[in-house]
């Protein structure tokens, strides 16, 4: 038997999993928190996957985390594993406190592909990932670990290399962003947030374009409006001293910002807000939804105090039937 045949045969044999302490801890880590709508079900629903496939992708994501912690952070996820990773990032307590701090012992950074690296460079990172995977876990599942088309034929890379045409909705009435309503003690904070750059200079596919394509059907004008509203939400987050809740569209901007871990945690939270503000998706419990609505009504009132009437297309309207003060007094928020 030739050496090539022996190598091919060896690759087909099942490979035992790693036996070190890190993999033992990772195997014991649960991605699902309590509640009727945990991470695994959300992953299946948002991607329209069968639940069994969602569980299979999570196990492959677990393996990627092991490789990122032991080989290096320049590895690349497959599209489906990337979806699992990005969803986990919005469960900030689970990802950073429970996984990175307690299990991995280090923070694993994530940054969305912005087109700044060439297709050849991305393909080289993919091959490095596959080599590392085979050394630790054997041959990867072709169903889950299929290589993205870095040269622009996949939907994602087509967006990077061929900018979509703008969708122009009806003009929106957006409030002036002056300082007349901002208390003097918070004007420095607002100035820093106003000057913060979400789009990386020179990126072929920056944050705002990705937000438009992933959340607003390519409507870049509306995406920029939402980003400005997200700035105001960040201000309330830093200035109010208690929980604030975003609208659905502002939450989309928040989710995407969390995917750029250094931008969110180091630049925004560390240098501007001054304290880490975590994101906790709802788990489907009725009591949690009731508290969420109460905090949302309080947030709308605080928005109005600082910025005037919020644009209805982004924030909706206040619900006078909810006595948020009574609800939050009972729940202690």
Foldseek 3Di string as FASTA:
>chain_A
DDPVVVVVVVLPDWDDADDDPLLVLLVPQDQFDDFDATLLNVLCVVVVHPSVVSVVLVVVLSLVVVCCLPPHLLADFFPSNVSSVLSSLQQVCCQVVVPAVPRSVHHRFFDDQLPPDALVVNVVNHVVNQVSCCVRTGHDDCVGSPDDNRVQPDPVSVCLVPPDDADDDDDFDAFDPDQPLPPPVLPVLLVLLVPQDQFDPPGSHGLLQCLCVPPPVRHSVVSVVLSVVLSLVLSCVLPVPDDAAFFPSVVSSVSSCSSRVCCPVVVSCVPRSNHDDHRRDDRHDPLVVLLNLLRHLVNQVVCCSGTNHGGCVGRNDHDVVRPSVVSCVVVVD
